[in-house]
C-alpha atoms as a PDB file:
ATOM      1  CA  MET A   1       3.374 -26.288  42.960  1.00  0.00           C
ATOM      2  CA  ARG A   2       0.522 -23.280  41.970  1.00  0.00           C
ATOM      3  CA  ILE A   3       2.157 -20.088  41.475  1.00  0.00           C
ATOM      4  CA  ALA A   4      -0.100 -17.057  41.176  1.00  0.00           C
ATOM      5  CA  PRO A   5      -0.245 -15.464  37.128  1.00  0.00           C
ATOM      6  CA  GLU A   6       0.541 -12.085  38.917  1.00  0.00           C
ATOM      7  CA  ILE A   7       3.653 -13.537  41.082  1.00  0.00           C
ATOM      8  CA  LYS A   8       4.958 -15.433  38.049  1.00  0.00           C
ATOM      9  CA  SER A   9       4.739 -12.413  36.252  1.00  0.00           C
ATOM     10  CA  ALA A  10       6.448 -10.118  38.684  1.00  0.00           C
ATOM     11  CA  LEU A  11       9.334 -12.810  39.094  1.00  0.00           C
ATOM     12  CA  ALA A  12       9.934 -13.012  35.569  1.00  0.00           C
ATOM     13  CA  ASP A  13      10.155  -9.289  35.476  1.00  0.00           C
ATOM     14  CA  GLY A  14      12.517  -8.902  38.243  1.00  0.00           C
ATOM     15  CA  ARG A  15       9.714  -6.998  40.365  1.00  0.00           C
ATOM     16  CA  PRO A  16       9.476  -7.270  43.990  1.00  0.00           C
ATOM     17  CA  VAL A  17       7.750  -9.996  45.415  1.00  0.00           C
ATOM     18  CA  VAL A  18       7.141 -10.551  49.382  1.00  0.00           C
ATOM     19  CA  ALA A  19       6.463 -14.030  50.594  1.00  0.00           C
ATOM     20  CA  LEU A  20       3.650 -14.502  53.607  1.00  0.00           C
ATOM     21  CA  GLU A  21       3.194 -17.485  55.765  1.00  0.00           C
ATOM     22  CA  SER A  22      -0.382 -19.213  56.331  1.00  0.00           C
ATOM     23  CA  THR A  23       0.164 -19.971  59.828  1.00  0.00           C
ATOM     24  CA  ILE A  24      -1.117 -17.243  61.564  1.00  0.00           C
ATOM     25  CA  ILE A  25      -4.128 -17.363  59.886  1.00  0.00           C
ATOM     26  CA  SER A  26      -4.860 -20.916  61.044  1.00  0.00           C
ATOM     27  CA  HIS A  27      -2.827 -21.041  63.982  1.00  0.00           C
ATOM     28  CA  GLY A  28      -2.321 -17.504  65.216  1.00  0.00           C
ATOM     29  CA  MET A  29      -5.383 -15.733  65.683  1.00  0.00           C
ATOM     30  CA  PRO A  30      -9.446 -16.221  65.545  1.00  0.00           C
ATOM     31  CA  TYR A  31     -11.926 -15.899  62.833  1.00  0.00           C
ATOM     32  CA  PRO A  32     -12.740 -13.251  61.521  1.00  0.00           C
ATOM     33  CA  ARG A  33      -9.773 -11.807  63.065  1.00  0.00           C
ATOM     34  CA  ASN A  34      -7.495 -13.955  61.135  1.00  0.00           C
ATOM     35  CA  ALA A  35      -8.347 -13.733  58.039  1.00  0.00           C
ATOM     36  CA  GLN A  36      -8.827  -9.994  57.705  1.00  0.00           C
ATOM     37  CA  THR A  37      -5.326  -9.294  59.154  1.00  0.00           C
ATOM     38  CA  ALA A  38      -3.717 -11.425  56.287  1.00  0.00           C
ATOM     39  CA  LEU A  39      -5.591  -9.453  53.836  1.00  0.00           C
ATOM     40  CA  GLU A  40      -4.654  -6.183  55.305  1.00  0.00           C
ATOM     41  CA  VAL A  41      -0.886  -7.356  55.661  1.00  0.00           C
ATOM     42  CA  GLU A  42      -1.545  -7.733  52.058  1.00  0.00           C
ATOM     43  CA  ASP A  43      -2.790  -4.505  51.292  1.00  0.00           C
ATOM     44  CA  ASP A  44       0.206  -2.948  52.902  1.00  0.00           C
ATOM     45  CA  ILE A  45       2.477  -4.625  50.621  1.00  0.00           C
ATOM     46  CA  ARG A  46       0.753  -3.264  47.876  1.00  0.00           C
ATOM     47  CA  SER A  47       0.647  -0.162  49.283  1.00  0.00           C
ATOM     48  CA  GLU A  48       4.716   0.240  49.024  1.00  0.00           C
ATOM     49  CA  GLY A  49       5.091  -0.797  45.291  1.00  0.00           C
ATOM     50  CA  ALA A  50       5.365  -4.751  46.156  1.00  0.00           C
ATOM     51  CA  ILE A  51       3.343  -8.012  45.336  1.00  0.00           C
ATOM     52  CA  PRO A  52       2.216 -10.325  48.277  1.00  0.00           C
ATOM     53  CA  ALA A  53       2.576 -13.926  48.022  1.00  0.00           C
ATOM     54  CA  THR A  54       0.587 -15.960  50.869  1.00  0.00           C
ATOM     55  CA  ILE A  55       2.088 -19.547  50.697  1.00  0.00           C
ATOM     56  CA  GLY A  56      -0.461 -22.248  52.128  1.00  0.00           C
ATOM     57  CA  ILE A  57      -0.924 -25.759  50.869  1.00  0.00           C
ATOM     58  CA  ILE A  58      -4.522 -26.884  49.626  1.00  0.00           C
ATOM     59  CA  LYS A  59      -5.390 -30.353  49.239  1.00  0.00           C
ATOM     60  CA  GLY A  60      -1.831 -31.234  48.586  1.00  0.00           C
ATOM     61  CA  GLU A  61      -1.156 -28.507  46.587  1.00  0.00           C
ATOM     62  CA  ILE A  62       1.679 -25.640  47.752  1.00  0.00           C
ATOM     63  CA  VAL A  63      -0.122 -22.373  46.467  1.00  0.00           C
ATOM     64  CA  VAL A  64       1.948 -19.310  46.448  1.00  0.00           C
ATOM     65  CA  GLY A  65      -0.283 -16.234  46.257  1.00  0.00           C
ATOM     66  CA  MET A  66      -3.395 -17.511  47.941  1.00  0.00           C
ATOM     67  CA  THR A  67      -6.872 -15.683  46.917  1.00  0.00           C
ATOM     68  CA  PRO A  68      -8.974 -13.863  49.266  1.00  0.00           C
ATOM     69  CA  ALA A  69     -11.332 -16.581  49.302  1.00  0.00           C
ATOM     70  CA  GLU A  70      -8.709 -19.092  50.049  1.00  0.00           C
ATOM     71  CA  ILE A  71      -7.309 -17.071  52.483  1.00  0.00           C
ATOM     72  CA  ASP A  72     -11.024 -17.100  54.073  1.00  0.00           C
ATOM     73  CA  ASP A  73     -11.354 -20.163  53.736  1.00  0.00           C
ATOM     74  CA  PHE A  74      -8.165 -20.892  56.048  1.00  0.00           C
ATOM     75  CA  GLY A  75      -9.361 -18.284  58.294  1.00  0.00           C
ATOM     76  CA  ARG A  76     -12.655 -20.683  58.781  1.00  0.00           C
ATOM     77  CA  LYS A  77     -11.551 -23.971  58.763  1.00  0.00           C
ATOM     78  CA  GLU A  78     -10.668 -26.302  61.406  1.00  0.00           C
ATOM     79  CA  GLY A  79      -7.599 -28.902  61.440  1.00  0.00           C
ATOM     80  CA  ILE A  80      -5.608 -27.463  59.294  1.00  0.00           C
ATOM     81  CA  ALA A  81      -1.999 -29.030  60.270  1.00  0.00           C
ATOM     82  CA  LYS A  82       0.402 -26.919  61.099  1.00  0.00           C
ATOM     83  CA  VAL A  83       3.340 -27.396  58.401  1.00  0.00           C
ATOM     84  CA  SER A  84       7.304 -27.179  58.893  1.00  0.00           C
ATOM     85  CA  LYS A  85      10.209 -28.884  56.819  1.00  0.00           C
ATOM     86  CA  ARG A  86       9.242 -32.623  58.085  1.00  0.00           C
ATOM     87  CA  ASP A  87       5.540 -32.252  57.623  1.00  0.00           C
ATOM     88  CA  LEU A  88       6.007 -30.712  53.814  1.00  0.00           C
ATOM     89  CA  PRO A  89       5.797 -34.581  52.158  1.00  0.00           C
ATOM     90  CA  ILE A  90       3.496 -35.568  54.424  1.00  0.00           C
ATOM     91  CA  VAL A  91       0.930 -32.863  53.842  1.00  0.00           C
ATOM     92  CA  VAL A  92       1.564 -33.286  49.843  1.00  0.00           C
ATOM     93  CA  ALA A  93       1.068 -36.490  49.849  1.00  0.00           C
ATOM     94  CA  LYS A  94      -1.986 -36.938  51.400  1.00  0.00           C
ATOM     95  CA  LYS A  95      -3.474 -34.055  50.000  1.00  0.00           C
ATOM     96  CA  GLN A  96      -4.083 -32.162  53.035  1.00  0.00           C
ATOM     97  CA  TYR A  97      -4.518 -28.485  54.042  1.00  0.00           C
ATOM     98  CA  GLY A  98      -1.370 -27.170  55.565  1.00  0.00           C
ATOM     99  CA  ALA A  99      -0.477 -23.990  56.624  1.00  0.00           C
ATOM    100  CA  THR A 100       2.877 -22.947  56.617  1.00  0.00           C
ATOM    101  CA  THR A 101       5.162 -21.913  59.364  1.00  0.00           C
ATOM    102  CA  VAL A 102       8.106 -19.820  58.852  1.00  0.00           C
ATOM    103  CA  SER A 103      10.529 -23.008  58.315  1.00  0.00           C
ATOM    104  CA  ALA A 104       8.244 -24.330  55.563  1.00  0.00           C
ATOM    105  CA  THR A 105       7.596 -20.797  54.134  1.00  0.00           C
ATOM    106  CA  MET A 106      11.282 -19.925  53.908  1.00  0.00           C
ATOM    107  CA  LEU A 107      11.619 -22.972  51.837  1.00  0.00           C
ATOM    108  CA  ILE A 108       9.110 -22.811  49.255  1.00  0.00           C
ATOM    109  CA  ALA A 109       9.937 -18.709  48.952  1.00  0.00           C
ATOM    110  CA  LYS A 110      12.927 -20.344  47.971  1.00  0.00           C
ATOM    111  CA  MET A 111      11.724 -22.804  45.644  1.00  0.00           C
ATOM    112  CA  ALA A 112       9.569 -20.185  44.045  1.00  0.00           C
ATOM    113  CA  GLY A 113      12.653 -17.480  43.753  1.00  0.00           C
ATOM    114  CA  ILE A 114      10.931 -14.754  46.141  1.00  0.00           C
ATOM    115  CA  PRO A 115      13.667 -13.004  48.208  1.00  0.00           C
ATOM    116  CA  ILE A 116      11.916 -11.627  50.862  1.00  0.00           C
ATOM    117  CA  PHE A 117       9.811 -12.769  53.704  1.00  0.00           C
ATOM    118  CA  VAL A 118       7.609 -11.059  56.030  1.00  0.00           C
ATOM    119  CA  THR A 119       6.183 -12.709  59.614  1.00  0.00           C
ATOM    120  CA  GLY A 120       5.256 -11.756  63.051  1.00  0.00           C
ATOM    121  CA  GLY A 121       7.795 -13.421  65.363  1.00  0.00           C
ATOM    122  CA  ILE A 122      10.175 -16.417  64.354  1.00  0.00           C
ATOM    123  CA  GLY A 123      10.285 -19.668  66.017  1.00  0.00           C
ATOM    124  CA  GLY A 124      13.600 -20.078  68.255  1.00  0.00           C
ATOM    125  CA  VAL A 125      15.051 -21.456  71.630  1.00  0.00           C
ATOM    126  CA  HIS A 126      12.498 -22.420  73.663  1.00  0.00           C
ATOM    127  CA  ARG A 127      12.651 -22.151  77.540  1.00  0.00           C
ATOM    128  CA  HIS A 128      14.901 -24.679  79.412  1.00  0.00           C
ATOM    129  CA  ALA A 129      16.108 -26.089  76.076  1.00  0.00           C
ATOM    130  CA  GLU A 130      18.877 -27.441  77.726  1.00  0.00           C
ATOM    131  CA  GLU A 131      16.669 -30.163  79.124  1.00  0.00           C
ATOM    132  CA  THR A 132      14.046 -30.355  76.415  1.00  0.00           C
ATOM    133  CA  PHE A 133      16.077 -29.492  73.462  1.00  0.00           C
ATOM    134  CA  ASP A 134      13.158 -27.879  72.541  1.00  0.00           C
ATOM    135  CA  ILE A 135      14.504 -25.802  69.189  1.00  0.00           C
ATOM    136  CA  SER A 136      12.385 -24.388  66.572  1.00  0.00           C
ATOM    137  CA  ARG A 137      13.243 -25.672  63.132  1.00  0.00           C
ATOM    138  CA  ASP A 138      13.205 -22.014  61.834  1.00  0.00           C
ATOM    139  CA  LEU A 139      16.490 -21.664  62.981  1.00  0.00           C
ATOM    140  CA  ARG A 140      17.972 -23.943  60.779  1.00  0.00           C
ATOM    141  CA  GLU A 141      16.283 -23.174  57.584  1.00  0.00           C
ATOM    142  CA  LEU A 142      17.500 -19.779  58.606  1.00  0.00           C
ATOM    143  CA  GLY A 143      21.222 -20.997  58.311  1.00  0.00           C
ATOM    144  CA  GLU A 144      20.504 -22.761  55.086  1.00  0.00           C
ATOM    145  CA  VAL A 145      18.064 -21.064  52.867  1.00  0.00           C
ATOM    146  CA  ASP A 146      18.613 -18.074  51.128  1.00  0.00           C
ATOM    147  CA  VAL A 147      15.624 -15.770  52.211  1.00  0.00           C
ATOM    148  CA  CYS A 148      15.646 -12.655  54.005  1.00  0.00           C
ATOM    149  CA  VAL A 149      13.272 -13.118  57.006  1.00  0.00           C
ATOM    150  CA  VAL A 150      11.526  -9.615  58.017  1.00  0.00           C
ATOM    151  CA  CYS A 151      10.296 -10.015  61.980  1.00  0.00           C
ATOM    152  CA  SER A 152       9.823  -8.581  65.356  1.00  0.00           C
ATOM    153  CA  GLY A 153      12.044 -11.017  66.986  1.00  0.00           C
ATOM    154  CA  ALA A 154      11.601 -14.183  68.399  1.00  0.00           C
ATOM    155  CA  LYS A 155       8.415 -15.057  70.233  1.00  0.00           C
ATOM    156  CA  ALA A 156       7.596 -14.037  73.542  1.00  0.00           C
ATOM    157  CA  ILE A 157       7.127 -17.344  74.895  1.00  0.00           C
ATOM    158  CA  LEU A 158      10.975 -18.344  73.638  1.00  0.00           C
ATOM    159  CA  ASP A 159      14.395 -17.920  75.650  1.00  0.00           C
ATOM    160  CA  ILE A 160      16.109 -14.437  73.680  1.00  0.00           C
ATOM    161  CA  PRO A 161      20.096 -15.219  74.474  1.00  0.00           C
ATOM    162  CA  LYS A 162      19.629 -18.615  73.743  1.00  0.00           C
ATOM    163  CA  THR A 163      17.899 -17.904  70.414  1.00  0.00           C
ATOM    164  CA  LEU A 164      20.730 -15.269  69.361  1.00  0.00           C
ATOM    165  CA  GLU A 165      23.306 -17.882  70.154  1.00  0.00           C
ATOM    166  CA  TYR A 166      21.901 -20.412  67.799  1.00  0.00           C
ATOM    167  CA  LEU A 167      21.750 -18.317  65.179  1.00  0.00           C
ATOM    168  CA  GLU A 168      25.423 -16.964  65.817  1.00  0.00           C
ATOM    169  CA  THR A 169      26.080 -20.598  65.276  1.00  0.00           C
ATOM    170  CA  GLU A 170      24.153 -20.683  62.197  1.00  0.00           C
ATOM    171  CA  GLY A 171      26.216 -17.697  60.463  1.00  0.00           C
ATOM    172  CA  VAL A 172      22.845 -15.961  60.149  1.00  0.00           C
ATOM    173  CA  SER A 173      23.082 -11.850  59.680  1.00  0.00           C
ATOM    174  CA  VAL A 174      20.948 -10.431  62.452  1.00  0.00           C
ATOM    175  CA  LEU A 175      20.443  -6.797  61.120  1.00  0.00           C
ATOM    176  CA  SER A 176      17.856  -4.421  63.085  1.00  0.00           C
ATOM    177  CA  HIS A 177      16.288  -1.351  61.650  1.00  0.00           C
ATOM    178  CA  LYS A 178      17.352   1.540  63.759  1.00  0.00           C
ATOM    179  CA  ALA A 179      17.231  -0.379  67.153  1.00  0.00           C
ATOM    180  CA  LYS A 180      20.374  -0.956  68.454  1.00  0.00           C
ATOM    181  CA  THR A 181      19.210  -3.859  70.205  1.00  0.00           C
ATOM    182  CA  PHE A 182      17.273  -7.295  68.958  1.00  0.00           C
ATOM    183  CA  ALA A 183      13.710  -6.612  69.020  1.00  0.00           C
ATOM    184  CA  ASN A 184      11.185  -8.127  71.760  1.00  0.00           C
ATOM    185  CA  PHE A 185       7.938  -9.003  69.753  1.00  0.00           C
ATOM    186  CA  TYR A 186       5.273  -7.376  72.025  1.00  0.00           C
ATOM    187  CA  SER A 187       7.997  -5.226  73.635  1.00  0.00           C
ATOM    188  CA  LEU A 188       9.924  -3.032  72.369  1.00  0.00           C
ATOM    189  CA  SER A 189      13.609  -4.164  72.467  1.00  0.00           C
ATOM    190  CA  SER A 190      15.349  -6.864  74.316  1.00  0.00           C
ATOM    191  CA  ASP A 191      19.208  -6.405  75.627  1.00  0.00           C
ATOM    192  CA  GLY A 192      20.147  -8.739  72.882  1.00  0.00           C
ATOM    193  CA  PRO A 193      22.779  -7.990  70.460  1.00  0.00           C
ATOM    194  CA  VAL A 194      22.351  -7.403  66.676  1.00  0.00           C
ATOM    195  CA  ASP A 195      25.116  -7.551  64.252  1.00  0.00           C
ATOM    196  CA  CYS A 196      23.965  -4.400  62.475  1.00  0.00           C
ATOM    197  CA  VAL A 197      21.969  -1.602  62.520  1.00  0.00           C
ATOM    198  CA  PHE A 198      20.591   0.401  59.237  1.00  0.00           C
ATOM    199  CA  ASP A 199      18.262   3.445  58.783  1.00  0.00           C
ATOM    200  CA  SER A 200      16.938   2.942  54.928  1.00  0.00           C
ATOM    201  CA  PRO A 201      15.615  -0.079  53.732  1.00  0.00           C
ATOM    202  CA  LYS A 202      18.084   0.713  50.711  1.00  0.00           C
ATOM    203  CA  GLU A 203      20.906   0.111  53.049  1.00  0.00           C
ATOM    204  CA  ALA A 204      19.295  -3.227  54.198  1.00  0.00           C
ATOM    205  CA  ALA A 205      19.100  -4.631  50.336  1.00  0.00           C
ATOM    206  CA  GLU A 206      22.278  -3.535  49.824  1.00  0.00           C
ATOM    207  CA  ILE A 207      23.762  -5.523  52.280  1.00  0.00           C
ATOM    208  CA  LEU A 208      21.317  -9.017  50.881  1.00  0.00           C
ATOM    209  CA  LEU A 209      22.738  -7.778  47.439  1.00  0.00           C
ATOM    210  CA  ALA A 210      26.315  -7.844  48.858  1.00  0.00           C
ATOM    211  CA  LYS A 211      25.468 -11.644  50.519  1.00  0.00           C
ATOM    212  CA  LYS A 212      24.291 -13.239  47.347  1.00  0.00           C
ATOM    213  CA  ASP A 213      27.386 -11.577  45.636  1.00  0.00           C
ATOM    214  CA  LEU A 214      29.702 -13.245  47.726  1.00  0.00           C
ATOM    215  CA  ASN A 215      27.554 -16.720  47.045  1.00  0.00           C
ATOM    216  CA  LEU A 216      27.353 -16.973  51.146  1.00  0.00           C
ATOM    217  CA  LYS A 217      24.589 -20.194  52.040  1.00  0.00           C
ATOM    218  CA  GLY A 218      21.828 -19.141  54.508  1.00  0.00           C
ATOM    219  CA  GLY A 219      19.364 -16.515  55.394  1.00  0.00           C
ATOM    220  CA  VAL A 220      19.462 -13.005  56.687  1.00  0.00           C
ATOM    221  CA  LEU A 221      17.134 -12.110  59.990  1.00  0.00           C
ATOM    222  CA  ILE A 222      15.800  -8.529  59.964  1.00  0.00           C
ATOM    223  CA  SER A 223      14.602  -7.152  63.315  1.00  0.00           C
ATOM    224  CA  ASN A 224      11.684  -4.569  63.482  1.00  0.00           C
ATOM    225  CA  PRO A 225      10.468  -3.240  66.742  1.00  0.00           C
ATOM    226  CA  VAL A 226       6.747  -3.331  67.571  1.00  0.00           C
ATOM    227  CA  PRO A 227       5.574   0.270  66.967  1.00  0.00           C
ATOM    228  CA  GLU A 228       6.175   2.271  69.790  1.00  0.00           C
ATOM    229  CA  GLU A 229       2.034   3.094  70.481  1.00  0.00           C
ATOM    230  CA  MET A 230       1.584  -0.520  70.313  1.00  0.00           C
ATOM    231  CA  ALA A 231       4.394  -1.985  72.676  1.00  0.00           C
ATOM    232  CA  LEU A 232       3.124  -3.931  76.060  1.00  0.00           C
ATOM    233  CA  PRO A 233       5.704  -2.766  79.157  1.00  0.00           C
ATOM    234  CA  HIS A 234       8.415  -5.398  79.533  1.00  0.00           C
ATOM    235  CA  GLU A 235       6.838  -6.538  82.837  1.00  0.00           C
ATOM    236  CA  TYR A 236       3.164  -6.756  82.235  1.00  0.00           C
ATOM    237  CA  ILE A 237       3.706  -9.129  79.052  1.00  0.00           C
ATOM    238  CA  ASP A 238       6.543 -11.203  81.064  1.00  0.00           C
ATOM    239  CA  SER A 239       3.983 -12.137  83.718  1.00  0.00           C
ATOM    240  CA  ILE A 240       1.428 -12.926  81.577  1.00  0.00           C
ATOM    241  CA  VAL A 241       3.736 -15.275  79.355  1.00  0.00           C
ATOM    242  CA  ASP A 242       5.110 -16.754  82.333  1.00  0.00           C
ATOM    243  CA  GLN A 243       1.872 -17.897  83.348  1.00  0.00           C
ATOM    244  CA  ALA A 244       1.086 -18.960  79.935  1.00  0.00           C
ATOM    245  CA  VAL A 245       4.329 -21.304  80.225  1.00  0.00           C
ATOM    246  CA  ARG A 246       3.714 -22.615  83.643  1.00  0.00           C
ATOM    247  CA  GLU A 247      -0.059 -23.651  82.273  1.00  0.00           C
ATOM    248  CA  SER A 248       1.076 -25.458  79.068  1.00  0.00           C
ATOM    249  CA  GLU A 249       3.987 -27.408  81.399  1.00  0.00           C
ATOM    250  CA  GLU A 250       1.513 -28.440  84.014  1.00  0.00           C
ATOM    251  CA  LEU A 251      -0.800 -29.400  81.181  1.00  0.00           C
ATOM    252  CA  GLY A 252       2.404 -31.517  79.465  1.00  0.00           C
ATOM    253  CA  ILE A 253       1.705 -29.487  76.118  1.00  0.00           C
ATOM    254  CA  LYS A 254       4.977 -29.881  74.040  1.00  0.00           C
ATOM    255  CA  GLY A 255       5.834 -29.563  70.572  1.00  0.00           C
ATOM    256  CA  LYS A 256       4.127 -28.002  67.831  1.00  0.00           C
ATOM    257  CA  ASP A 257       1.137 -27.600  70.377  1.00  0.00           C
ATOM    258  CA  SER A 258       3.031 -25.437  72.382  1.00  0.00           C
ATOM    259  CA  THR A 259       3.267 -22.282  70.791  1.00  0.00           C
ATOM    260  CA  PRO A 260      -0.520 -22.205  69.474  1.00  0.00           C
ATOM    261  CA  PHE A 261      -1.385 -22.959  72.973  1.00  0.00           C
ATOM    262  CA  LEU A 262       0.385 -20.395  74.418  1.00  0.00           C
ATOM    263  CA  LEU A 263      -0.382 -17.381  72.161  1.00  0.00           C
ATOM    264  CA  LYS A 264      -4.043 -18.353  72.682  1.00  0.00           C
ATOM    265  CA  ARG A 265      -3.508 -18.163  76.477  1.00  0.00           C
ATOM    266  CA  ILE A 266      -1.655 -14.681  76.229  1.00  0.00           C
ATOM    267  CA  VAL A 267      -4.655 -12.971  74.693  1.00  0.00           C
ATOM    268  CA  GLU A 268      -7.059 -14.131  76.783  1.00  0.00           C
ATOM    269  CA  LEU A 269      -4.934 -13.304  79.763  1.00  0.00           C
ATOM    270  CA  SER A 270      -4.045  -9.973  78.258  1.00  0.00           C
ATOM    271  CA  GLY A 271      -7.845  -9.061  77.819  1.00  0.00           C
ATOM    272  CA  GLY A 272      -7.063  -8.622  73.837  1.00  0.00           C
ATOM    273  CA  LYS A 273      -4.102  -6.314  74.321  1.00  0.00           C
ATOM    274  CA  SER A 274      -1.670  -8.584  72.954  1.00  0.00           C
ATOM    275  CA  LEU A 275      -3.613  -9.723  69.507  1.00  0.00           C
ATOM    276  CA  ASP A 276      -3.798  -6.232  69.044  1.00  0.00           C
ATOM    277  CA  THR A 277       0.067  -5.953  69.526  1.00  0.00           C
ATOM    278  CA  ASN A 278       0.682  -9.393  67.276  1.00  0.00           C
ATOM    279  CA  VAL A 279      -1.674  -7.454  64.435  1.00  0.00           C
ATOM    280  CA  ALA A 280       0.458  -3.858  64.493  1.00  0.00           C
ATOM    281  CA  LEU A 281       3.713  -5.641  64.578  1.00  0.00           C
ATOM    282  CA  ILE A 282       2.981  -7.765  61.447  1.00  0.00           C
ATOM    283  CA  ARG A 283       1.341  -5.064  59.593  1.00  0.00           C
ATOM    284  CA  HIS A 284       4.523  -2.440  60.437  1.00  0.00           C
ATOM    285  CA  ASN A 285       6.967  -5.426  59.412  1.00  0.00           C
ATOM    286  CA  ALA A 286       4.842  -6.070  55.858  1.00  0.00           C
ATOM    287  CA  HIS A 287       5.885  -2.633  54.781  1.00  0.00           C
ATOM    288  CA  LEU A 288       9.469  -2.359  56.192  1.00  0.00           C
ATOM    289  CA  GLY A 289       9.624  -5.984  54.265  1.00  0.00           C
ATOM    290  CA  ALA A 290       8.065  -4.657  51.068  1.00  0.00           C
ATOM    291  CA  ARG A 291      10.145  -1.475  50.915  1.00  0.00           C
ATOM    292  CA  ILE A 292      13.550  -3.839  51.147  1.00  0.00           C
ATOM    293  CA  ALA A 293      12.283  -5.622  48.382  1.00  0.00           C
ATOM    294  CA  VAL A 294      11.329  -2.773  46.299  1.00  0.00           C
ATOM    295  CA  GLU A 295      14.965  -1.528  47.047  1.00  0.00           C
ATOM    296  CA  LEU A 296      16.425  -4.958  46.585  1.00  0.00           C
ATOM    297  CA  SER A 297      14.614  -4.928  42.751  1.00  0.00           C
ATOM    298  CA  LYS A 298      16.033  -2.061  41.549  1.00  0.00           C
ATOM    299  CA  LEU A 299      19.529  -2.740  42.965  1.00  0.00           C
ATOM    300  CA  GLU A 300      18.865  -5.901  40.589  1.00  0.00           C
ATOM    301  CA  ARG A 301      17.743  -4.237  38.033  1.00  0.00           C
ATOM    302  CA  GLY A 302      19.943  -1.637  37.694  1.00  0.00           C
ATOM    303  CA  ARG A 303      22.781  -4.097  36.962  1.00  0.00           C
ATOM    304  CA  GLY A 304      20.937  -4.727  33.775  1.00  0.00           C
END
């Protein structure tokens, strides 16, 4: 594992660091929007007083803190593997390029000692999971890995009620920033319940510190709704998602290929609106995640 010197120094000093995934670069958006967004998100985190740590795998080496050149290379390069927990040893051993998903990024953040990770939307329970058993590894990782994940809910292609039920089974605390229900990715909210609503980053940081003091295993999920001005109406985006899901089923697309196909198709069907919303919510999450990281660092350093 290669940890960038700036990040290594910050972690040693107890300064705030925020982890970022690389799947969004290689499998979430077209070039150059993907690389530009990744760098903008890093700038957003720095603007709040924290240090970004974009995580990826380059020729078998796990990199915590990719350089701008490496991020741009990821944005351009074709055939980068999408890496979950099960793929990590394979990609490392074969010295391949790998873009880390939520689950792999959580694992690597934990290895590096980074407590907070920002993403767009988590994976979850897929539609018709009672027949297919298609459930993202992200949920198991949230139940097992001590990292806080800031997101805008589960990806819109998923079954939110079943995802929340699974998180409850895994013992994952689901917090919401100001909103009373679980965020709904492209739209503002869902009908899904949350465990606690917090109004300030400090309040969230206090909950994270209490969990650490109690030595409770697993992560915390923070739901942060998309900015209202960039939200898409439920009826509009739901009809597009339904069409994309039907097309994927007709084409027989399954497993790890499903999400990239669906997200790409949703962008096409929405005329790019979903991509603009996706960028807005990720950057919104970066600001919140960085503020929480700063408050958590203050609380921990204040203890001496």
